[in-house]
């Protein structure tokens, strides 16, 4: 599905696979493998492709345009897993090929398995703050040398440009709702 969407968006822009590969800093063969759904690209590669195609990252995973008012049934949420991030994301806000002008935030539910890190390296949202509430479990935010532990029902606010890593120290999967503004995926 994602490969077909990338190919469709690339063609709409009148771009060849080679041009997309050069701008996204990957090989043309890699783009071909992605477009034919033969590989699952990393989050950083998908972010580069989305930026090159001038669409939000989530647009690579959605099927149709969204209206001003949208109901998203639980079973219809856009679900995303990246090869270089250990988090399972479900988008709670709608996206189509073009982000609506009024879109000022992005909401995701994510899960992290017990005794595991969210990513191998720090994550950072350069354009805006992030706020998260832990629905189930315990989540550690590692910010520099400090560790902030957020238990079930607790919230954490991160200012823009705050590099952080996530860790689940518990014995059960942690569920979190995160809000980022402006949208970054």
C-alpha atoms as a PDB file:
ATOM      1  CA  UNK A   1       0.000   0.000   0.000  1.00  0.00           C
ATOM      2  CA  UNK A   2       2.699   2.531   0.918  1.00  0.00           C
ATOM      3  CA  UNK A   3       4.675   1.780  -2.241  1.00  0.00           C
ATOM      4  CA  UNK A   4       1.661   2.406  -4.438  1.00  0.00           C
ATOM      5  CA  UNK A   5       0.970   5.685  -2.623  1.00  0.00           C
ATOM      6  CA  UNK A   6       4.577   6.874  -3.052  1.00  0.00           C
ATOM      7  CA  UNK A   7       4.537   5.968  -6.764  1.00  0.00           C
ATOM      8  CA  UNK A   8       1.198   7.777  -7.222  1.00  0.00           C
ATOM      9  CA  UNK A   9       2.414  10.941  -5.458  1.00  0.00           C
ATOM     10  CA  UNK A  10       5.736  10.859  -7.322  1.00  0.00           C
ATOM     11  CA  UNK A  11       3.963  10.613 -10.678  1.00  0.00           C
ATOM     12  CA  UNK A  12       1.544  13.410  -9.748  1.00  0.00           C
ATOM     13  CA  UNK A  13       4.587  15.640  -9.230  1.00  0.00           C
ATOM     14  CA  UNK A  14       6.001  14.565 -12.616  1.00  0.00           C
ATOM     15  CA  UNK A  15       9.047  13.122 -10.881  1.00  0.00           C
ATOM     16  CA  UNK A  16      10.988  10.033 -11.956  1.00  0.00           C
ATOM     17  CA  UNK A  17      12.020   7.373  -9.461  1.00  0.00           C
ATOM     18  CA  UNK A  18      15.642   8.419 -10.048  1.00  0.00           C
ATOM     19  CA  UNK A  19      14.824  12.072  -9.198  1.00  0.00           C
ATOM     20  CA  UNK A  20      12.992  11.016  -6.034  1.00  0.00           C
ATOM     21  CA  UNK A  21      15.918   8.799  -5.044  1.00  0.00           C
ATOM     22  CA  UNK A  22      18.441  11.616  -5.510  1.00  0.00           C
ATOM     23  CA  UNK A  23      16.372  14.126  -3.513  1.00  0.00           C
ATOM     24  CA  UNK A  24      15.587  11.608  -0.757  1.00  0.00           C
ATOM     25  CA  UNK A  25      19.257  10.510  -0.624  1.00  0.00           C
ATOM     26  CA  UNK A  26      18.665   6.840  -1.464  1.00  0.00           C
ATOM     27  CA  UNK A  27      19.343   4.698  -4.532  1.00  0.00           C
ATOM     28  CA  UNK A  28      16.868   4.324  -7.419  1.00  0.00           C
ATOM     29  CA  UNK A  29      16.801   0.582  -6.690  1.00  0.00           C
ATOM     30  CA  UNK A  30      15.739   1.299  -3.115  1.00  0.00           C
ATOM     31  CA  UNK A  31      12.865   3.493  -4.365  1.00  0.00           C
ATOM     32  CA  UNK A  32      11.852   0.681  -6.722  1.00  0.00           C
ATOM     33  CA  UNK A  33      11.818  -1.822  -3.860  1.00  0.00           C
ATOM     34  CA  UNK A  34       9.706   0.559  -1.757  1.00  0.00           C
ATOM     35  CA  UNK A  35       7.262   1.228  -4.598  1.00  0.00           C
ATOM     36  CA  UNK A  36       6.834  -2.497  -5.171  1.00  0.00           C
ATOM     37  CA  UNK A  37       6.336  -3.127  -1.421  1.00  0.00           C
ATOM     38  CA  UNK A  38       9.358  -5.429  -1.292  1.00  0.00           C
ATOM     39  CA  UNK A  39      10.911  -3.706   1.729  1.00  0.00           C
ATOM     40  CA  UNK A  40       9.775  -1.741   4.756  1.00  0.00           C
ATOM     41  CA  UNK A  41      11.751   1.536   4.757  1.00  0.00           C
ATOM     42  CA  UNK A  42      12.941   3.266   7.908  1.00  0.00           C
ATOM     43  CA  UNK A  43      11.181   6.266   9.395  1.00  0.00           C
ATOM     44  CA  UNK A  44      14.034   8.577   8.381  1.00  0.00           C
ATOM     45  CA  UNK A  45      13.831   7.430   4.738  1.00  0.00           C
ATOM     46  CA  UNK A  46      10.045   7.847   4.712  1.00  0.00           C
ATOM     47  CA  UNK A  47      10.374  11.318   6.223  1.00  0.00           C
ATOM     48  CA  UNK A  48      12.825  12.252   3.444  1.00  0.00           C
ATOM     49  CA  UNK A  49      10.477  10.886   0.789  1.00  0.00           C
ATOM     50  CA  UNK A  50       7.486  12.711   2.286  1.00  0.00           C
ATOM     51  CA  UNK A  51       9.458  15.961   2.441  1.00  0.00           C
ATOM     52  CA  UNK A  52      10.564  15.536  -1.176  1.00  0.00           C
ATOM     53  CA  UNK A  53       6.970  14.816  -2.246  1.00  0.00           C
ATOM     54  CA  UNK A  54       5.817  17.819  -0.163  1.00  0.00           C
ATOM     55  CA  UNK A  55       3.263  15.856   1.872  1.00  0.00           C
ATOM     56  CA  UNK A  56       2.967  15.029   5.582  1.00  0.00           C
ATOM     57  CA  UNK A  57       4.413  11.636   6.471  1.00  0.00           C
ATOM     58  CA  UNK A  58       0.975  10.280   7.375  1.00  0.00           C
ATOM     59  CA  UNK A  59      -0.229  11.013   3.825  1.00  0.00           C
ATOM     60  CA  UNK A  60       1.875   8.055   2.672  1.00  0.00           C
ATOM     61  CA  UNK A  61      -0.359   5.754   4.737  1.00  0.00           C
ATOM     62  CA  UNK A  62      -3.858   7.162   4.163  1.00  0.00           C
ATOM     63  CA  UNK A  63      -6.293   6.317   1.410  1.00  0.00           C
ATOM     64  CA  UNK A  64      -8.596   9.286   0.968  1.00  0.00           C
ATOM     65  CA  UNK A  65      -9.060  12.974   1.499  1.00  0.00           C
ATOM     66  CA  UNK A  66     -10.541  14.041   4.820  1.00  0.00           C
ATOM     67  CA  UNK A  67     -13.254  16.634   5.388  1.00  0.00           C
ATOM     68  CA  UNK A  68     -13.473  19.320   8.023  1.00  0.00           C
ATOM     69  CA  UNK A  69     -15.258  16.979  10.448  1.00  0.00           C
ATOM     70  CA  UNK A  70     -14.020  13.417  10.532  1.00  0.00           C
ATOM     71  CA  UNK A  71     -14.939  10.403  12.613  1.00  0.00           C
ATOM     72  CA  UNK A  72     -12.224   7.776  12.654  1.00  0.00           C
ATOM     73  CA  UNK A  73     -13.458   4.409  13.922  1.00  0.00           C
ATOM     74  CA  UNK A  74     -10.854   2.536  15.962  1.00  0.00           C
ATOM     75  CA  UNK A  75     -10.486  -0.129  13.281  1.00  0.00           C
ATOM     76  CA  UNK A  76      -9.869   2.543  10.597  1.00  0.00           C
ATOM     77  CA  UNK A  77      -6.960   4.337  12.262  1.00  0.00           C
ATOM     78  CA  UNK A  78      -3.801   4.667  10.215  1.00  0.00           C
ATOM     79  CA  UNK A  79      -1.297   2.246  11.763  1.00  0.00           C
ATOM     80  CA  UNK A  80       2.411   2.695  11.196  1.00  0.00           C
ATOM     81  CA  UNK A  81       5.547   0.815  12.244  1.00  0.00           C
ATOM     82  CA  UNK A  82       9.013   1.937  11.232  1.00  0.00           C
ATOM     83  CA  UNK A  83      11.997  -0.382  10.922  1.00  0.00           C
ATOM     84  CA  UNK A  84      14.226   1.936  12.993  1.00  0.00           C
ATOM     85  CA  UNK A  85      11.699   2.870  15.712  1.00  0.00           C
ATOM     86  CA  UNK A  86      10.357   0.351  18.226  1.00  0.00           C
ATOM     87  CA  UNK A  87       6.989   2.094  18.631  1.00  0.00           C
ATOM     88  CA  UNK A  88       3.685   1.059  17.066  1.00  0.00           C
ATOM     89  CA  UNK A  89       1.806   4.234  16.059  1.00  0.00           C
ATOM     90  CA  UNK A  90      -1.917   4.737  15.445  1.00  0.00           C
ATOM     91  CA  UNK A  91      -2.860   8.167  14.108  1.00  0.00           C
ATOM     92  CA  UNK A  92      -5.871   9.691  15.835  1.00  0.00           C
ATOM     93  CA  UNK A  93      -5.994  12.774  13.616  1.00  0.00           C
ATOM     94  CA  UNK A  94      -6.964  12.615   9.939  1.00  0.00           C
ATOM     95  CA  UNK A  95      -4.642  13.162   6.984  1.00  0.00           C
ATOM     96  CA  UNK A  96      -5.037  13.048   3.260  1.00  0.00           C
ATOM     97  CA  UNK A  97      -2.614  13.963   0.554  1.00  0.00           C
ATOM     98  CA  UNK A  98      -2.868  17.611   1.525  1.00  0.00           C
ATOM     99  CA  UNK A  99      -2.922  18.526   5.209  1.00  0.00           C
ATOM    100  CA  UNK A 100      -5.941  20.757   5.903  1.00  0.00           C
ATOM    101  CA  UNK A 101      -4.994  24.388   6.530  1.00  0.00           C
ATOM    102  CA  UNK A 102      -6.659  24.242   9.935  1.00  0.00           C
ATOM    103  CA  UNK A 103      -4.542  21.274  11.089  1.00  0.00           C
ATOM    104  CA  UNK A 104      -2.613  22.642  14.058  1.00  0.00           C
ATOM    105  CA  UNK A 105      -1.848  19.402  15.872  1.00  0.00           C
ATOM    106  CA  UNK A 106      -1.237  15.744  15.438  1.00  0.00           C
ATOM    107  CA  UNK A 107      -2.447  13.057  17.841  1.00  0.00           C
ATOM    108  CA  UNK A 108      -1.092   9.538  17.952  1.00  0.00           C
ATOM    109  CA  UNK A 109      -1.526   6.571  20.222  1.00  0.00           C
ATOM    110  CA  UNK A 110       1.659   4.600  20.540  1.00  0.00           C
ATOM    111  CA  UNK A 111       2.712   1.429  22.302  1.00  0.00           C
ATOM    112  CA  UNK A 112       6.065   0.271  23.576  1.00  0.00           C
ATOM    113  CA  UNK A 113       6.761  -3.284  24.654  1.00  0.00           C
ATOM    114  CA  UNK A 114       8.153  -4.071  28.145  1.00  0.00           C
ATOM    115  CA  UNK A 115      11.846  -3.564  28.873  1.00  0.00           C
ATOM    116  CA  UNK A 116      12.478  -1.871  25.530  1.00  0.00           C
ATOM    117  CA  UNK A 117      13.637   1.446  24.081  1.00  0.00           C
ATOM    118  CA  UNK A 118      11.505   3.421  21.638  1.00  0.00           C
ATOM    119  CA  UNK A 119      14.450   4.046  19.310  1.00  0.00           C
ATOM    120  CA  UNK A 120      18.181   3.530  19.069  1.00  0.00           C
ATOM    121  CA  UNK A 121      18.842   7.268  19.032  1.00  0.00           C
ATOM    122  CA  UNK A 122      17.230  10.416  20.389  1.00  0.00           C
ATOM    123  CA  UNK A 123      14.074  11.804  18.793  1.00  0.00           C
ATOM    124  CA  UNK A 124      13.428  15.536  18.487  1.00  0.00           C
ATOM    125  CA  UNK A 125      10.491  17.614  17.286  1.00  0.00           C
ATOM    126  CA  UNK A 126      12.111  20.816  16.093  1.00  0.00           C
ATOM    127  CA  UNK A 127       9.028  22.750  15.104  1.00  0.00           C
ATOM    128  CA  UNK A 128       6.894  22.498  18.217  1.00  0.00           C
ATOM    129  CA  UNK A 129       6.152  21.018  21.634  1.00  0.00           C
ATOM    130  CA  UNK A 130       4.891  17.556  22.495  1.00  0.00           C
ATOM    131  CA  UNK A 131       2.539  16.537  25.278  1.00  0.00           C
ATOM    132  CA  UNK A 132       1.872  12.921  26.231  1.00  0.00           C
ATOM    133  CA  UNK A 133      -0.401  11.115  28.662  1.00  0.00           C
ATOM    134  CA  UNK A 134       0.326   7.547  29.734  1.00  0.00           C
ATOM    135  CA  UNK A 135      -2.866   5.481  29.461  1.00  0.00           C
ATOM    136  CA  UNK A 136      -1.397   2.177  30.670  1.00  0.00           C
ATOM    137  CA  UNK A 137       1.937   1.232  32.169  1.00  0.00           C
ATOM    138  CA  UNK A 138       4.990   3.342  33.005  1.00  0.00           C
ATOM    139  CA  UNK A 139       7.148   5.288  30.562  1.00  0.00           C
ATOM    140  CA  UNK A 140      10.544   6.858  31.078  1.00  0.00           C
ATOM    141  CA  UNK A 141      11.579   9.938  29.112  1.00  0.00           C
ATOM    142  CA  UNK A 142      15.359  10.229  28.949  1.00  0.00           C
ATOM    143  CA  UNK A 143      16.230  13.885  28.338  1.00  0.00           C
ATOM    144  CA  UNK A 144      19.965  14.445  28.457  1.00  0.00           C
ATOM    145  CA  UNK A 145      21.167  13.081  31.810  1.00  0.00           C
ATOM    146  CA  UNK A 146      17.698  13.317  33.409  1.00  0.00           C
ATOM    147  CA  UNK A 147      15.079  10.580  33.517  1.00  0.00           C
ATOM    148  CA  UNK A 148      11.429  11.558  33.917  1.00  0.00           C
ATOM    149  CA  UNK A 149       9.170   8.676  34.962  1.00  0.00           C
ATOM    150  CA  UNK A 150       5.514   9.028  33.963  1.00  0.00           C
ATOM    151  CA  UNK A 151       3.088   6.561  35.498  1.00  0.00           C
ATOM    152  CA  UNK A 152      -0.402   5.628  34.334  1.00  0.00           C
ATOM    153  CA  UNK A 153      -2.565   8.759  34.136  1.00  0.00           C
ATOM    154  CA  UNK A 154       0.451  11.074  34.277  1.00  0.00           C
ATOM    155  CA  UNK A 155       1.405  13.616  31.612  1.00  0.00           C
ATOM    156  CA  UNK A 156       4.664  15.008  30.312  1.00  0.00           C
ATOM    157  CA  UNK A 157       5.242  18.193  28.313  1.00  0.00           C
ATOM    158  CA  UNK A 158       8.356  18.534  26.139  1.00  0.00           C
ATOM    159  CA  UNK A 159       9.334  21.939  24.741  1.00  0.00           C
ATOM    160  CA  UNK A 160      10.357  22.157  21.064  1.00  0.00           C
ATOM    161  CA  UNK A 161      13.872  20.988  20.177  1.00  0.00           C
ATOM    162  CA  UNK A 162      14.153  18.673  23.186  1.00  0.00           C
ATOM    163  CA  UNK A 163      16.062  15.510  22.214  1.00  0.00           C
ATOM    164  CA  UNK A 164      14.629  12.529  24.090  1.00  0.00           C
ATOM    165  CA  UNK A 165      14.449   8.755  24.206  1.00  0.00           C
ATOM    166  CA  UNK A 166      11.632   6.596  25.511  1.00  0.00           C
ATOM    167  CA  UNK A 167      12.022   3.480  27.651  1.00  0.00           C
ATOM    168  CA  UNK A 168       9.431   1.095  29.069  1.00  0.00           C
ATOM    169  CA  UNK A 169      10.868  -0.174  32.377  1.00  0.00           C
ATOM    170  CA  UNK A 170       7.731  -2.152  33.214  1.00  0.00           C
ATOM    171  CA  UNK A 171       6.526  -5.685  32.646  1.00  0.00           C
ATOM    172  CA  UNK A 172       3.548  -4.759  30.461  1.00  0.00           C
ATOM    173  CA  UNK A 173       3.129  -2.840  27.212  1.00  0.00           C
ATOM    174  CA  UNK A 174       2.828   0.904  27.764  1.00  0.00           C
ATOM    175  CA  UNK A 175       0.078   2.821  25.891  1.00  0.00           C
ATOM    176  CA  UNK A 176       0.463   6.563  25.398  1.00  0.00           C
ATOM    177  CA  UNK A 177      -1.456   9.354  23.656  1.00  0.00           C
ATOM    178  CA  UNK A 178       0.892  11.966  22.233  1.00  0.00           C
ATOM    179  CA  UNK A 179       0.016  15.367  20.793  1.00  0.00           C
ATOM    180  CA  UNK A 180       2.496  17.309  18.676  1.00  0.00           C
ATOM    181  CA  UNK A 181       1.972  20.798  17.343  1.00  0.00           C
ATOM    182  CA  UNK A 182       2.400  21.661  14.589  1.00  0.00           C
ATOM    183  CA  UNK A 183       2.135  18.218  12.972  1.00  0.00           C
ATOM    184  CA  UNK A 184       5.507  16.659  12.142  1.00  0.00           C
ATOM    185  CA  UNK A 185       4.781  13.234  10.634  1.00  0.00           C
END
